[in-house]
């Protein structure tokens, strides 16, 4: 298995994956199976706007911090229960 970071996928080919990993460093990685894992960041612009304008707001789930679905469900339950 090969793990690559800071790499951009340019295309998938019959031979594998054509990638760019820095300034002018493009090459094909031969593969028949590719597993992608992308980092994520919270997108909470709307939630922050609401938070700034209302007295009681809880930002939960991926808008608060990227994590597991179980955490988001639990946060949603306790936020609803608090009402």
Protein backbone atom coordinates (compact mmCIF):
# COMPACT_ATOMS: atom_id res chain seq x y z
CA UNK A 1 0.00 0.00 0.00
CA UNK A 2 1.19 3.51 -0.82
CA UNK A 3 0.00 6.49 1.23
CA UNK A 4 0.35 9.91 -0.38
CA UNK A 5 -0.22 13.31 1.21
CA UNK A 6 -0.33 16.74 -0.42
CA UNK A 7 -1.18 15.05 -3.71
CA UNK A 8 -3.77 16.06 -6.29
CA UNK A 9 -5.52 13.51 -8.46
CA UNK A 10 -5.48 14.65 -12.08
CA UNK A 11 -7.22 11.66 -13.65
CA UNK A 12 -7.96 7.96 -13.38
CA UNK A 13 -6.64 5.82 -16.21
CA UNK A 14 -6.76 2.15 -17.15
CA UNK A 15 -3.25 1.82 -15.68
CA UNK A 16 -3.93 3.61 -12.38
CA UNK A 17 -4.03 7.19 -11.14
CA UNK A 18 -2.31 10.21 -12.68
CA UNK A 19 -1.29 12.55 -9.85
CA UNK A 20 0.50 15.80 -9.14
CA UNK A 21 2.56 15.98 -5.97
CA UNK A 22 4.20 19.37 -6.04
CA UNK A 23 5.60 21.78 -8.56
CA UNK A 24 5.67 20.01 -11.93
CA UNK A 25 5.92 16.55 -10.35
CA UNK A 26 3.31 14.53 -12.22
CA UNK A 27 3.33 10.78 -12.53
CA UNK A 28 1.11 7.73 -12.82
CA UNK A 29 0.69 5.34 -9.92
CA UNK A 30 -0.16 1.87 -11.16
CA UNK A 31 -3.15 0.50 -9.28
CA UNK A 32 -6.24 -1.61 -9.69
CA UNK A 33 -7.80 -0.33 -6.44
CA UNK A 34 -7.70 3.23 -5.08
CA UNK A 35 -8.99 4.35 -1.67
CA UNK A 36 -9.52 8.07 -1.17
CA UNK A 37 -9.50 9.81 2.19
CA UNK A 38 -9.95 13.55 2.12
CA UNK A 39 -9.61 15.85 5.08
CA UNK A 40 -12.64 17.94 5.86
CA UNK A 41 -13.28 21.23 7.59
CA UNK A 42 -16.46 22.55 9.20
CA UNK A 43 -18.56 24.85 7.02
CA UNK A 44 -20.26 26.93 9.67
CA UNK A 45 -20.62 30.42 8.16
CA UNK A 46 -24.42 30.36 8.40
CA UNK A 47 -24.33 28.87 11.90
CA UNK A 48 -21.94 31.59 13.11
CA UNK A 49 -24.20 34.29 11.64
CA UNK A 50 -27.20 32.85 13.50
CA UNK A 51 -25.12 32.49 16.68
CA UNK A 52 -24.19 36.18 16.59
CA UNK A 53 -27.82 37.31 16.25
CA UNK A 54 -29.75 35.08 18.64
CA UNK A 55 -29.51 34.45 22.36
CA UNK A 56 -29.68 30.64 22.48
CA UNK A 57 -27.90 28.78 19.71
CA UNK A 58 -25.92 25.54 19.77
CA UNK A 59 -23.75 24.69 16.80
CA UNK A 60 -23.60 20.91 16.50
CA UNK A 61 -22.42 18.15 14.20
CA UNK A 62 -20.02 18.88 11.35
CA UNK A 63 -20.80 22.61 11.59
CA UNK A 64 -19.12 22.53 14.99
CA UNK A 65 -16.31 20.04 14.46
CA UNK A 66 -15.87 17.33 11.88
CA UNK A 67 -16.27 13.99 13.56
CA UNK A 68 -18.39 10.91 13.73
CA UNK A 69 -22.09 10.67 12.98
CA UNK A 70 -22.69 9.31 16.48
CA UNK A 71 -21.35 12.55 18.00
CA UNK A 72 -23.62 14.66 15.78
CA UNK A 73 -26.71 12.60 16.69
CA UNK A 74 -25.88 12.79 20.39
CA UNK A 75 -25.32 16.57 20.19
CA UNK A 76 -28.63 16.97 18.34
CA UNK A 77 -30.48 14.91 20.96
CA UNK A 78 -29.12 16.89 23.90
CA UNK A 79 -29.69 20.22 22.13
CA UNK A 80 -33.32 19.30 21.46
CA UNK A 81 -33.75 17.96 24.99
CA UNK A 82 -32.49 21.27 26.42
CA UNK A 83 -35.37 23.15 24.78
